[in-house]
N, C-alpha and C. Protein backbone atom coordinates (compact mmCIF):
# COMPACT_ATOMS: atom_id res chain seq x y z
N MET A 1 -57.49 56.15 117.34
CA MET A 1 -57.24 55.60 116.02
C MET A 1 -56.49 54.28 116.15
N SER A 2 -56.88 53.33 115.33
CA SER A 2 -56.29 52.00 115.38
C SER A 2 -54.91 51.98 114.72
N ASP A 3 -53.99 51.23 115.28
CA ASP A 3 -52.69 51.02 114.64
C ASP A 3 -52.54 49.55 114.28
N LEU A 4 -53.65 48.96 113.81
CA LEU A 4 -53.63 47.57 113.37
C LEU A 4 -52.95 47.47 112.01
N PRO A 5 -52.46 46.28 111.66
CA PRO A 5 -51.85 46.10 110.34
C PRO A 5 -52.82 46.46 109.22
N GLU A 6 -52.31 47.05 108.16
CA GLU A 6 -53.15 47.46 107.04
C GLU A 6 -53.71 46.28 106.27
N ASP A 7 -53.03 45.14 106.33
CA ASP A 7 -53.47 43.98 105.55
C ASP A 7 -54.37 43.04 106.36
N LEU A 8 -55.08 43.59 107.34
CA LEU A 8 -55.95 42.79 108.20
C LEU A 8 -57.09 42.18 107.37
N THR A 9 -57.27 40.87 107.50
CA THR A 9 -58.36 40.16 106.83
C THR A 9 -59.00 39.20 107.82
N PHE A 10 -60.15 38.65 107.43
CA PHE A 10 -60.89 37.74 108.30
C PHE A 10 -61.38 36.56 107.49
N ARG A 11 -61.36 35.38 108.13
CA ARG A 11 -61.85 34.16 107.49
C ARG A 11 -62.59 33.32 108.50
N ALA A 12 -63.64 32.68 108.04
CA ALA A 12 -64.35 31.73 108.89
C ALA A 12 -63.46 30.51 109.14
N VAL A 13 -63.63 29.92 110.31
CA VAL A 13 -62.89 28.69 110.61
C VAL A 13 -63.63 27.53 109.96
N GLU A 14 -62.90 26.77 109.18
CA GLU A 14 -63.42 25.59 108.49
C GLU A 14 -62.26 24.62 108.34
N ALA A 15 -62.51 23.51 107.69
CA ALA A 15 -61.47 22.49 107.57
C ALA A 15 -60.18 23.07 106.98
N ALA A 16 -60.31 23.93 105.97
CA ALA A 16 -59.12 24.50 105.32
C ALA A 16 -58.34 25.43 106.23
N THR A 17 -59.01 26.05 107.21
CA THR A 17 -58.32 26.98 108.11
C THR A 17 -58.04 26.37 109.47
N TRP A 18 -58.36 25.08 109.65
CA TRP A 18 -58.05 24.41 110.91
C TRP A 18 -56.58 24.55 111.28
N PRO A 19 -55.61 24.37 110.35
CA PRO A 19 -54.21 24.54 110.75
C PRO A 19 -53.91 25.93 111.33
N ASP A 20 -54.56 26.97 110.80
CA ASP A 20 -54.36 28.33 111.32
C ASP A 20 -54.96 28.45 112.72
N PHE A 21 -56.15 27.91 112.89
CA PHE A 21 -56.79 27.92 114.20
C PHE A 21 -55.92 27.19 115.22
N GLN A 22 -55.42 26.03 114.84
CA GLN A 22 -54.56 25.24 115.72
C GLN A 22 -53.28 26.00 116.07
N HIS A 23 -52.72 26.68 115.08
CA HIS A 23 -51.51 27.48 115.30
C HIS A 23 -51.77 28.60 116.31
N LEU A 24 -52.88 29.32 116.13
CA LEU A 24 -53.20 30.42 117.04
C LEU A 24 -53.42 29.89 118.45
N PHE A 25 -54.13 28.77 118.58
CA PHE A 25 -54.42 28.22 119.89
C PHE A 25 -53.22 27.54 120.53
N SER A 26 -52.15 27.39 119.79
CA SER A 26 -50.91 26.84 120.36
C SER A 26 -49.95 27.95 120.77
N SER A 27 -50.34 29.21 120.53
CA SER A 27 -49.47 30.34 120.86
C SER A 27 -49.55 30.68 122.34
N ARG A 28 -48.58 31.43 122.79
CA ARG A 28 -48.52 31.82 124.20
C ARG A 28 -49.73 32.66 124.59
N GLY A 29 -50.32 32.32 125.72
CA GLY A 29 -51.46 33.07 126.24
C GLY A 29 -52.80 32.68 125.64
N SER A 30 -52.79 31.72 124.73
CA SER A 30 -54.05 31.33 124.07
C SER A 30 -54.93 30.51 125.01
N PRO A 31 -56.20 30.37 124.67
CA PRO A 31 -57.10 29.55 125.49
C PRO A 31 -57.01 28.06 125.15
N HIS A 32 -55.78 27.56 125.02
CA HIS A 32 -55.59 26.14 124.69
C HIS A 32 -56.04 25.21 125.82
N TYR A 33 -56.30 25.77 126.99
CA TYR A 33 -56.80 24.96 128.11
C TYR A 33 -58.25 24.55 127.90
N CYS A 34 -58.98 25.28 127.03
CA CYS A 34 -60.39 24.92 126.82
C CYS A 34 -60.74 24.67 125.36
N TRP A 35 -59.91 25.15 124.44
CA TRP A 35 -60.17 25.00 123.01
C TRP A 35 -61.59 25.45 122.65
N CYS A 36 -62.04 26.48 123.34
CA CYS A 36 -63.35 27.09 123.09
C CYS A 36 -64.49 26.08 123.18
N GLN A 37 -64.40 25.21 124.16
CA GLN A 37 -65.41 24.17 124.36
C GLN A 37 -66.29 24.42 125.58
N VAL A 38 -66.11 25.52 126.29
CA VAL A 38 -66.84 25.77 127.52
C VAL A 38 -68.35 25.67 127.30
N TYR A 39 -68.86 26.35 126.29
CA TYR A 39 -70.30 26.32 126.04
C TYR A 39 -70.70 25.24 125.03
N ARG A 40 -69.70 24.72 124.31
CA ARG A 40 -70.00 23.70 123.31
C ARG A 40 -70.04 22.29 123.90
N ALA A 41 -69.36 22.09 125.00
CA ALA A 41 -69.27 20.75 125.59
C ALA A 41 -70.64 20.25 126.01
N THR A 42 -70.86 18.99 125.77
CA THR A 42 -72.10 18.37 126.23
C THR A 42 -71.89 17.85 127.64
N ARG A 43 -72.91 17.28 128.20
CA ARG A 43 -72.79 16.78 129.57
C ARG A 43 -71.82 15.61 129.65
N GLY A 44 -71.37 15.36 130.85
CA GLY A 44 -70.54 14.19 131.10
C GLY A 44 -69.10 14.38 130.69
N LYS A 45 -68.60 13.44 129.92
CA LYS A 45 -67.17 13.36 129.63
C LYS A 45 -66.62 14.62 128.96
N ASP A 46 -67.36 15.20 127.98
CA ASP A 46 -66.87 16.39 127.28
C ASP A 46 -66.49 17.51 128.25
N ARG A 47 -67.28 17.68 129.30
CA ARG A 47 -67.07 18.79 130.22
C ARG A 47 -65.87 18.56 131.13
N GLN A 48 -65.40 17.32 131.22
CA GLN A 48 -64.26 17.01 132.08
C GLN A 48 -63.06 16.54 131.27
N ALA A 49 -63.09 16.76 129.96
CA ALA A 49 -62.03 16.27 129.09
C ALA A 49 -60.73 17.05 129.32
N ASP A 50 -59.61 16.40 128.99
CA ASP A 50 -58.34 17.10 129.07
C ASP A 50 -58.12 17.90 127.78
N ARG A 51 -57.01 18.63 127.72
CA ARG A 51 -56.76 19.52 126.59
C ARG A 51 -56.72 18.78 125.25
N THR A 52 -56.12 17.61 125.24
CA THR A 52 -56.03 16.83 124.00
C THR A 52 -57.41 16.45 123.51
N GLU A 53 -58.27 16.04 124.42
CA GLU A 53 -59.64 15.66 124.05
C GLU A 53 -60.45 16.87 123.60
N LEU A 54 -60.25 18.00 124.27
CA LEU A 54 -60.98 19.22 123.88
C LEU A 54 -60.55 19.67 122.48
N LYS A 55 -59.26 19.61 122.21
CA LYS A 55 -58.75 19.96 120.88
C LYS A 55 -59.34 19.03 119.83
N ALA A 56 -59.35 17.73 120.11
CA ALA A 56 -59.91 16.76 119.17
C ALA A 56 -61.39 17.01 118.93
N ALA A 57 -62.12 17.39 119.98
CA ALA A 57 -63.56 17.66 119.84
C ALA A 57 -63.78 18.88 118.94
N MET A 58 -62.96 19.93 119.11
CA MET A 58 -63.10 21.11 118.26
C MET A 58 -62.73 20.77 116.82
N CYS A 59 -61.67 20.01 116.64
CA CYS A 59 -61.26 19.60 115.29
C CYS A 59 -62.39 18.84 114.60
N GLU A 60 -63.01 17.94 115.32
CA GLU A 60 -64.11 17.16 114.76
C GLU A 60 -65.28 18.06 114.37
N ARG A 61 -65.63 19.00 115.24
CA ARG A 61 -66.73 19.91 114.93
C ARG A 61 -66.44 20.69 113.65
N ILE A 62 -65.23 21.20 113.55
CA ILE A 62 -64.85 21.99 112.38
C ILE A 62 -64.89 21.14 111.11
N HIS A 63 -64.34 19.95 111.18
CA HIS A 63 -64.30 19.08 109.99
C HIS A 63 -65.67 18.52 109.63
N GLN A 64 -66.62 18.59 110.54
CA GLN A 64 -68.00 18.20 110.22
C GLN A 64 -68.78 19.37 109.62
N GLY A 65 -68.15 20.53 109.52
CA GLY A 65 -68.78 21.69 108.90
C GLY A 65 -69.53 22.59 109.86
N MET A 66 -69.36 22.38 111.15
CA MET A 66 -70.03 23.23 112.13
C MET A 66 -69.44 24.64 112.09
N GLN A 67 -70.30 25.64 112.16
CA GLN A 67 -69.85 27.03 112.22
C GLN A 67 -69.35 27.29 113.64
N VAL A 68 -68.06 27.66 113.78
CA VAL A 68 -67.50 27.86 115.11
C VAL A 68 -66.93 29.26 115.34
N GLY A 69 -66.60 29.98 114.28
CA GLY A 69 -66.05 31.30 114.51
C GLY A 69 -65.25 31.86 113.36
N VAL A 70 -64.55 32.95 113.67
CA VAL A 70 -63.82 33.74 112.67
C VAL A 70 -62.41 34.01 113.18
N LEU A 71 -61.45 33.91 112.26
CA LEU A 71 -60.06 34.25 112.56
C LEU A 71 -59.70 35.58 111.90
N ALA A 72 -58.87 36.36 112.58
CA ALA A 72 -58.28 37.57 111.99
C ALA A 72 -56.87 37.22 111.54
N TYR A 73 -56.46 37.78 110.40
CA TYR A 73 -55.13 37.53 109.85
C TYR A 73 -54.42 38.84 109.55
N ALA A 74 -53.10 38.82 109.70
CA ALA A 74 -52.24 39.92 109.25
C ALA A 74 -50.99 39.27 108.68
N GLY A 75 -50.64 39.64 107.47
CA GLY A 75 -49.48 39.05 106.83
C GLY A 75 -49.61 37.55 106.68
N GLY A 76 -50.81 37.06 106.53
CA GLY A 76 -51.05 35.63 106.37
C GLY A 76 -51.01 34.85 107.66
N GLU A 77 -50.76 35.53 108.79
CA GLU A 77 -50.68 34.86 110.08
C GLU A 77 -51.96 35.11 110.88
N PRO A 78 -52.51 34.05 111.51
CA PRO A 78 -53.69 34.27 112.35
C PRO A 78 -53.32 35.05 113.61
N ILE A 79 -54.06 36.14 113.87
CA ILE A 79 -53.71 36.99 115.01
C ILE A 79 -54.87 37.22 115.97
N GLY A 80 -56.01 36.61 115.73
CA GLY A 80 -57.14 36.80 116.64
C GLY A 80 -58.27 35.84 116.31
N TRP A 81 -59.16 35.67 117.28
CA TRP A 81 -60.25 34.70 117.18
C TRP A 81 -61.51 35.25 117.82
N CYS A 82 -62.64 34.94 117.20
CA CYS A 82 -63.95 35.23 117.79
C CYS A 82 -64.82 34.00 117.60
N SER A 83 -65.35 33.49 118.70
CA SER A 83 -66.23 32.32 118.67
C SER A 83 -67.67 32.76 118.43
N ILE A 84 -68.26 32.28 117.34
CA ILE A 84 -69.65 32.59 117.02
C ILE A 84 -70.23 31.45 116.21
N GLY A 85 -71.48 31.13 116.49
CA GLY A 85 -72.17 30.08 115.76
C GLY A 85 -73.63 30.04 116.15
N PRO A 86 -74.43 29.23 115.45
CA PRO A 86 -75.84 29.11 115.81
C PRO A 86 -76.00 28.70 117.26
N ARG A 87 -76.93 29.34 117.95
CA ARG A 87 -77.10 29.09 119.39
C ARG A 87 -77.26 27.62 119.74
N PRO A 88 -77.97 26.79 118.95
CA PRO A 88 -78.09 25.38 119.32
C PRO A 88 -76.76 24.61 119.35
N THR A 89 -75.70 25.18 118.75
CA THR A 89 -74.40 24.49 118.78
C THR A 89 -73.65 24.74 120.09
N PHE A 90 -74.28 25.47 121.00
CA PHE A 90 -73.71 25.73 122.33
C PHE A 90 -74.63 25.09 123.37
N PRO A 91 -74.56 23.77 123.56
CA PRO A 91 -75.49 23.08 124.46
C PRO A 91 -75.56 23.67 125.87
N ARG A 92 -74.45 24.17 126.38
CA ARG A 92 -74.46 24.67 127.76
C ARG A 92 -75.22 25.99 127.89
N LEU A 93 -75.44 26.70 126.80
CA LEU A 93 -76.27 27.89 126.87
C LEU A 93 -77.74 27.52 127.09
N ARG A 94 -78.11 26.31 126.73
CA ARG A 94 -79.50 25.85 126.91
C ARG A 94 -79.86 25.76 128.39
N THR A 95 -78.86 25.49 129.21
CA THR A 95 -79.13 25.26 130.63
C THR A 95 -78.94 26.51 131.47
N THR A 96 -78.67 27.65 130.81
CA THR A 96 -78.50 28.90 131.54
C THR A 96 -79.70 29.79 131.26
N SER A 97 -79.91 30.75 132.13
CA SER A 97 -81.03 31.66 131.96
C SER A 97 -80.60 32.84 131.11
N VAL A 98 -80.86 32.74 129.81
CA VAL A 98 -80.48 33.80 128.88
C VAL A 98 -81.68 34.72 128.69
N GLY A 99 -81.52 35.97 129.06
CA GLY A 99 -82.62 36.92 129.07
C GLY A 99 -83.42 37.03 127.79
N GLY A 100 -82.77 37.03 126.63
CA GLY A 100 -83.50 37.24 125.38
C GLY A 100 -83.83 35.97 124.63
N ALA A 101 -83.46 34.82 125.17
CA ALA A 101 -83.61 33.58 124.41
C ALA A 101 -84.99 32.97 124.62
N ALA A 102 -85.92 33.29 123.72
CA ALA A 102 -87.25 32.69 123.81
C ALA A 102 -87.20 31.23 123.42
N ASN A 103 -86.34 30.88 122.47
CA ASN A 103 -86.23 29.50 122.00
C ASN A 103 -84.76 29.15 121.84
N PRO A 104 -84.21 28.35 122.75
CA PRO A 104 -82.78 28.02 122.67
C PRO A 104 -82.43 27.17 121.46
N ASP A 105 -83.43 26.61 120.77
CA ASP A 105 -83.18 25.80 119.58
C ASP A 105 -83.28 26.60 118.28
N ASP A 106 -83.47 27.91 118.37
CA ASP A 106 -83.61 28.76 117.19
C ASP A 106 -82.24 28.98 116.55
N SER A 107 -81.98 28.29 115.44
CA SER A 107 -80.66 28.39 114.80
C SER A 107 -80.50 29.69 114.02
N SER A 108 -81.55 30.52 113.92
CA SER A 108 -81.39 31.81 113.26
C SER A 108 -80.78 32.84 114.20
N VAL A 109 -80.69 32.50 115.50
CA VAL A 109 -80.00 33.35 116.47
C VAL A 109 -78.62 32.75 116.70
N TRP A 110 -77.60 33.57 116.51
CA TRP A 110 -76.22 33.11 116.70
C TRP A 110 -75.69 33.67 118.01
N SER A 111 -74.90 32.86 118.71
CA SER A 111 -74.29 33.27 119.97
C SER A 111 -72.80 33.55 119.76
N LEU A 112 -72.37 34.67 120.30
CA LEU A 112 -70.97 35.05 120.28
C LEU A 112 -70.47 34.90 121.72
N THR A 113 -69.56 33.95 121.94
CA THR A 113 -69.21 33.62 123.31
C THR A 113 -67.82 34.06 123.76
N CYS A 114 -66.88 34.24 122.86
CA CYS A 114 -65.56 34.66 123.34
C CYS A 114 -64.67 35.21 122.24
N PHE A 115 -63.61 35.87 122.69
CA PHE A 115 -62.56 36.41 121.83
C PHE A 115 -61.21 35.93 122.36
N PHE A 116 -60.24 35.85 121.46
CA PHE A 116 -58.85 35.72 121.89
C PHE A 116 -58.03 36.66 121.02
N VAL A 117 -57.38 37.61 121.67
CA VAL A 117 -56.48 38.56 121.00
C VAL A 117 -55.14 38.48 121.73
N PRO A 118 -54.07 38.07 121.05
CA PRO A 118 -52.76 38.01 121.71
C PRO A 118 -52.37 39.36 122.29
N ARG A 119 -51.61 39.33 123.34
CA ARG A 119 -51.25 40.54 124.07
C ARG A 119 -50.71 41.66 123.18
N ARG A 120 -49.90 41.32 122.18
CA ARG A 120 -49.29 42.36 121.34
C ARG A 120 -50.31 43.12 120.48
N PHE A 121 -51.52 42.56 120.34
CA PHE A 121 -52.54 43.24 119.54
C PHE A 121 -53.68 43.80 120.39
N ARG A 122 -53.57 43.72 121.69
CA ARG A 122 -54.64 44.22 122.55
C ARG A 122 -54.61 45.76 122.61
N LYS A 123 -55.77 46.32 122.88
CA LYS A 123 -55.95 47.78 123.00
C LYS A 123 -55.60 48.50 121.70
N ARG A 124 -55.80 47.80 120.59
CA ARG A 124 -55.54 48.39 119.28
C ARG A 124 -56.78 48.32 118.38
N GLY A 125 -57.89 47.85 118.93
CA GLY A 125 -59.12 47.81 118.16
C GLY A 125 -59.40 46.50 117.45
N LEU A 126 -58.57 45.47 117.69
CA LEU A 126 -58.77 44.21 116.99
C LEU A 126 -60.05 43.51 117.43
N ALA A 127 -60.39 43.56 118.70
CA ALA A 127 -61.63 42.91 119.15
C ALA A 127 -62.85 43.52 118.46
N SER A 128 -62.87 44.84 118.31
CA SER A 128 -63.98 45.50 117.63
C SER A 128 -64.06 45.07 116.17
N ARG A 129 -62.91 44.94 115.53
CA ARG A 129 -62.90 44.50 114.13
C ARG A 129 -63.34 43.04 114.03
N LEU A 130 -62.93 42.22 114.99
CA LEU A 130 -63.38 40.82 115.02
C LEU A 130 -64.88 40.74 115.24
N LEU A 131 -65.39 41.59 116.11
CA LEU A 131 -66.83 41.62 116.35
C LEU A 131 -67.58 41.91 115.06
N GLN A 132 -67.14 42.91 114.32
CA GLN A 132 -67.83 43.25 113.07
C GLN A 132 -67.71 42.11 112.05
N ALA A 133 -66.54 41.49 111.98
CA ALA A 133 -66.36 40.36 111.05
C ALA A 133 -67.27 39.19 111.44
N ALA A 134 -67.43 38.96 112.73
CA ALA A 134 -68.30 37.88 113.20
C ALA A 134 -69.76 38.17 112.87
N ILE A 135 -70.18 39.42 113.05
CA ILE A 135 -71.55 39.82 112.69
C ILE A 135 -71.77 39.62 111.19
N ASP A 136 -70.81 40.07 110.39
CA ASP A 136 -70.92 39.93 108.94
C ASP A 136 -71.01 38.46 108.54
N HIS A 137 -70.21 37.62 109.18
CA HIS A 137 -70.22 36.19 108.88
C HIS A 137 -71.58 35.58 109.24
N ALA A 138 -72.08 35.91 110.41
CA ALA A 138 -73.39 35.38 110.82
C ALA A 138 -74.48 35.81 109.84
N ARG A 139 -74.41 37.06 109.41
CA ARG A 139 -75.40 37.57 108.46
C ARG A 139 -75.36 36.79 107.15
N THR A 140 -74.15 36.54 106.63
CA THR A 140 -74.04 35.82 105.35
C THR A 140 -74.52 34.38 105.48
N GLN A 141 -74.54 33.86 106.69
CA GLN A 141 -75.00 32.49 106.92
C GLN A 141 -76.49 32.43 107.26
N GLY A 142 -77.17 33.57 107.19
CA GLY A 142 -78.62 33.60 107.39
C GLY A 142 -79.09 33.92 108.79
N ALA A 143 -78.19 34.35 109.68
CA ALA A 143 -78.60 34.69 111.04
C ALA A 143 -79.55 35.88 111.03
N LYS A 144 -80.55 35.84 111.91
CA LYS A 144 -81.48 36.95 112.06
C LYS A 144 -81.11 37.83 113.25
N ALA A 145 -80.29 37.28 114.15
CA ALA A 145 -79.85 38.04 115.32
C ALA A 145 -78.56 37.45 115.85
N VAL A 146 -77.79 38.27 116.55
CA VAL A 146 -76.57 37.83 117.23
C VAL A 146 -76.71 38.20 118.70
N GLU A 147 -76.47 37.22 119.57
CA GLU A 147 -76.45 37.47 121.01
C GLU A 147 -75.04 37.30 121.53
N ALA A 148 -74.69 38.13 122.49
CA ALA A 148 -73.37 38.06 123.13
C ALA A 148 -73.56 38.21 124.63
N TYR A 149 -72.51 37.91 125.38
CA TYR A 149 -72.61 37.84 126.83
C TYR A 149 -71.43 38.58 127.48
N PRO A 150 -71.36 39.91 127.24
CA PRO A 150 -70.21 40.69 127.73
C PRO A 150 -70.30 41.02 129.21
N VAL A 151 -69.21 41.59 129.70
CA VAL A 151 -69.12 42.01 131.10
C VAL A 151 -68.70 43.47 131.16
N ASP A 152 -68.76 44.05 132.35
CA ASP A 152 -68.25 45.39 132.56
C ASP A 152 -66.72 45.37 132.44
N PRO A 153 -66.10 46.47 132.00
CA PRO A 153 -64.65 46.51 131.85
C PRO A 153 -63.87 46.19 133.12
N ASP A 154 -64.46 46.46 134.29
CA ASP A 154 -63.74 46.18 135.54
C ASP A 154 -64.12 44.82 136.14
N SER A 155 -64.79 43.99 135.39
CA SER A 155 -65.20 42.68 135.89
C SER A 155 -63.98 41.82 136.19
N PRO A 156 -63.99 41.10 137.31
CA PRO A 156 -62.85 40.24 137.65
C PRO A 156 -62.86 38.91 136.89
N GLY A 157 -63.92 38.61 136.18
CA GLY A 157 -63.98 37.34 135.46
C GLY A 157 -64.80 37.44 134.19
N TYR A 158 -64.76 36.39 133.40
CA TYR A 158 -65.52 36.26 132.15
C TYR A 158 -65.13 37.33 131.12
N ARG A 159 -63.92 37.84 131.21
CA ARG A 159 -63.48 38.92 130.33
C ARG A 159 -63.31 38.47 128.88
N PHE A 160 -63.19 37.17 128.66
CA PHE A 160 -63.03 36.62 127.31
C PHE A 160 -64.25 36.88 126.44
N GLY A 161 -65.39 37.20 127.04
CA GLY A 161 -66.62 37.46 126.28
C GLY A 161 -66.72 38.86 125.74
N GLY A 162 -65.77 39.72 126.05
CA GLY A 162 -65.81 41.10 125.59
C GLY A 162 -66.47 42.01 126.61
N PHE A 163 -66.33 43.31 126.37
CA PHE A 163 -66.83 44.31 127.30
C PHE A 163 -68.07 45.02 126.76
N ARG A 164 -68.95 45.39 127.66
CA ARG A 164 -70.24 46.00 127.30
C ARG A 164 -70.10 47.20 126.37
N PRO A 165 -69.18 48.14 126.60
CA PRO A 165 -69.12 49.32 125.72
C PRO A 165 -68.88 48.97 124.25
N MET A 166 -68.08 47.95 123.98
CA MET A 166 -67.80 47.56 122.60
C MET A 166 -69.08 47.10 121.91
N PHE A 167 -69.90 46.34 122.63
CA PHE A 167 -71.15 45.85 122.04
C PHE A 167 -72.17 46.97 121.87
N ARG A 168 -72.22 47.88 122.83
CA ARG A 168 -73.12 49.02 122.69
C ARG A 168 -72.76 49.84 121.46
N ALA A 169 -71.45 50.06 121.27
CA ALA A 169 -70.99 50.83 120.11
C ALA A 169 -71.34 50.16 118.80
N ALA A 170 -71.47 48.83 118.81
CA ALA A 170 -71.81 48.08 117.60
C ALA A 170 -73.32 47.97 117.40
N GLY A 171 -74.11 48.57 118.30
CA GLY A 171 -75.56 48.58 118.13
C GLY A 171 -76.32 47.51 118.89
N PHE A 172 -75.64 46.76 119.74
CA PHE A 172 -76.34 45.75 120.54
C PHE A 172 -77.15 46.43 121.63
N ARG A 173 -78.27 45.82 121.99
CA ARG A 173 -79.06 46.32 123.13
C ARG A 173 -79.08 45.22 124.18
N GLU A 174 -79.07 45.63 125.42
CA GLU A 174 -79.04 44.67 126.51
C GLU A 174 -80.45 44.21 126.87
N LEU A 175 -80.57 42.89 127.07
CA LEU A 175 -81.87 42.28 127.36
C LEU A 175 -81.99 41.78 128.79
N GLY A 176 -80.89 41.63 129.47
CA GLY A 176 -80.93 41.08 130.82
C GLY A 176 -79.56 40.62 131.25
N ARG A 177 -79.56 39.74 132.24
CA ARG A 177 -78.31 39.25 132.80
C ARG A 177 -78.18 37.76 132.58
N LEU A 178 -76.96 37.31 132.54
CA LEU A 178 -76.62 35.89 132.50
C LEU A 178 -75.69 35.67 133.70
N GLY A 179 -76.25 35.24 134.80
CA GLY A 179 -75.47 35.12 136.02
C GLY A 179 -75.26 36.47 136.66
N LYS A 180 -74.21 36.58 137.49
CA LYS A 180 -73.96 37.81 138.24
C LYS A 180 -73.15 38.84 137.48
N ARG A 181 -72.29 38.41 136.55
CA ARG A 181 -71.39 39.35 135.89
C ARG A 181 -71.70 39.59 134.42
N ARG A 182 -72.23 38.59 133.74
CA ARG A 182 -72.45 38.72 132.31
C ARG A 182 -73.83 39.31 132.00
N TYR A 183 -73.88 40.02 130.88
CA TYR A 183 -75.10 40.60 130.36
C TYR A 183 -75.47 39.87 129.07
N VAL A 184 -76.72 39.93 128.71
CA VAL A 184 -77.16 39.40 127.42
C VAL A 184 -77.36 40.60 126.52
N ALA A 185 -76.59 40.66 125.45
CA ALA A 185 -76.68 41.76 124.49
C ALA A 185 -77.09 41.17 123.14
N ARG A 186 -77.99 41.84 122.46
CA ARG A 186 -78.54 41.29 121.21
C ARG A 186 -78.55 42.33 120.11
N LEU A 187 -78.18 41.89 118.93
CA LEU A 187 -78.23 42.73 117.73
C LEU A 187 -79.15 42.04 116.73
N GLU A 188 -80.27 42.70 116.40
CA GLU A 188 -81.18 42.17 115.40
C GLU A 188 -80.63 42.47 114.02
N LEU A 189 -80.73 41.51 113.12
CA LEU A 189 -80.28 41.68 111.76
C LEU A 189 -81.50 41.57 110.84
N SER A 190 -81.62 42.48 109.90
CA SER A 190 -82.73 42.39 108.94
C SER A 190 -82.31 42.99 107.62
N ASN A 191 -82.77 42.37 106.54
CA ASN A 191 -82.49 42.85 105.18
C ASN A 191 -81.00 43.10 104.94
N GLY A 192 -80.18 42.21 105.51
CA GLY A 192 -78.74 42.33 105.27
C GLY A 192 -78.07 43.42 106.05
N GLN A 193 -78.81 44.12 106.91
CA GLN A 193 -78.24 45.21 107.69
C GLN A 193 -78.55 44.98 109.17
N ALA A 194 -77.80 45.64 110.03
CA ALA A 194 -78.14 45.62 111.45
C ALA A 194 -79.40 46.44 111.63
N ALA A 195 -80.38 45.87 112.33
CA ALA A 195 -81.63 46.60 112.57
C ALA A 195 -81.39 47.71 113.57
N THR A 196 -82.03 48.83 113.35
CA THR A 196 -81.87 49.95 114.28
C THR A 196 -83.09 50.15 115.13
C-alpha cells in the first residue's frame, strides 16, 4: 500500500510550470547534469553542452510549447518528474534501433524516457503514479501509443527509465531490445482507453 501524500496531483510541464520544473531540477539528487536532454539533444553542440546550456535548451523547448513531460505535486511542491512527449521530439531515438518503431517520425507515438523521484519519495509508488499520469496526458494530447525503454530491476545502468515490472503491471508489452540493457515496451491506446 502506498504512503504517498493524499493531496498528490499532476500537471504537464509548460511555460506556467517552468518555475516548478526548474525548482525540482535544482534539488539535491536531481538530474540537473542533463536537464533531460539526453534523447532530445540534436547532433553537435547540443550533445556536448554544459549544464547551463542544457537548462536553457529545455527552457526554450518548454516556452515554445513542446510537450516534455509531467510533474507530480504534493502540498503545492513539485516532488517528481516523468519525461514523455511525441517520439519525433527525441532526435536521438531516431538513431537507435527501437524494436517497435516502424516510423520514427510518427508523432502519434509518444516516448517515455525517464523519471526523477527524490529519495524521500522512492519505494512509495510515486513512479507508478507518474507513469499513469504520463499515459493519461499522452492520451489527452491524441497519442495512439506510448513507448518506454525500461530495464531489469538489477540493471547496473539506465535505471532512470524505470523498471520492467512497473510497465508490465501498467499493461505494456515488450517488443524487443534497445541496446544491451533496455527493453522497448509499448502500450497501445484506443478509444480513450488502454488497448488490451
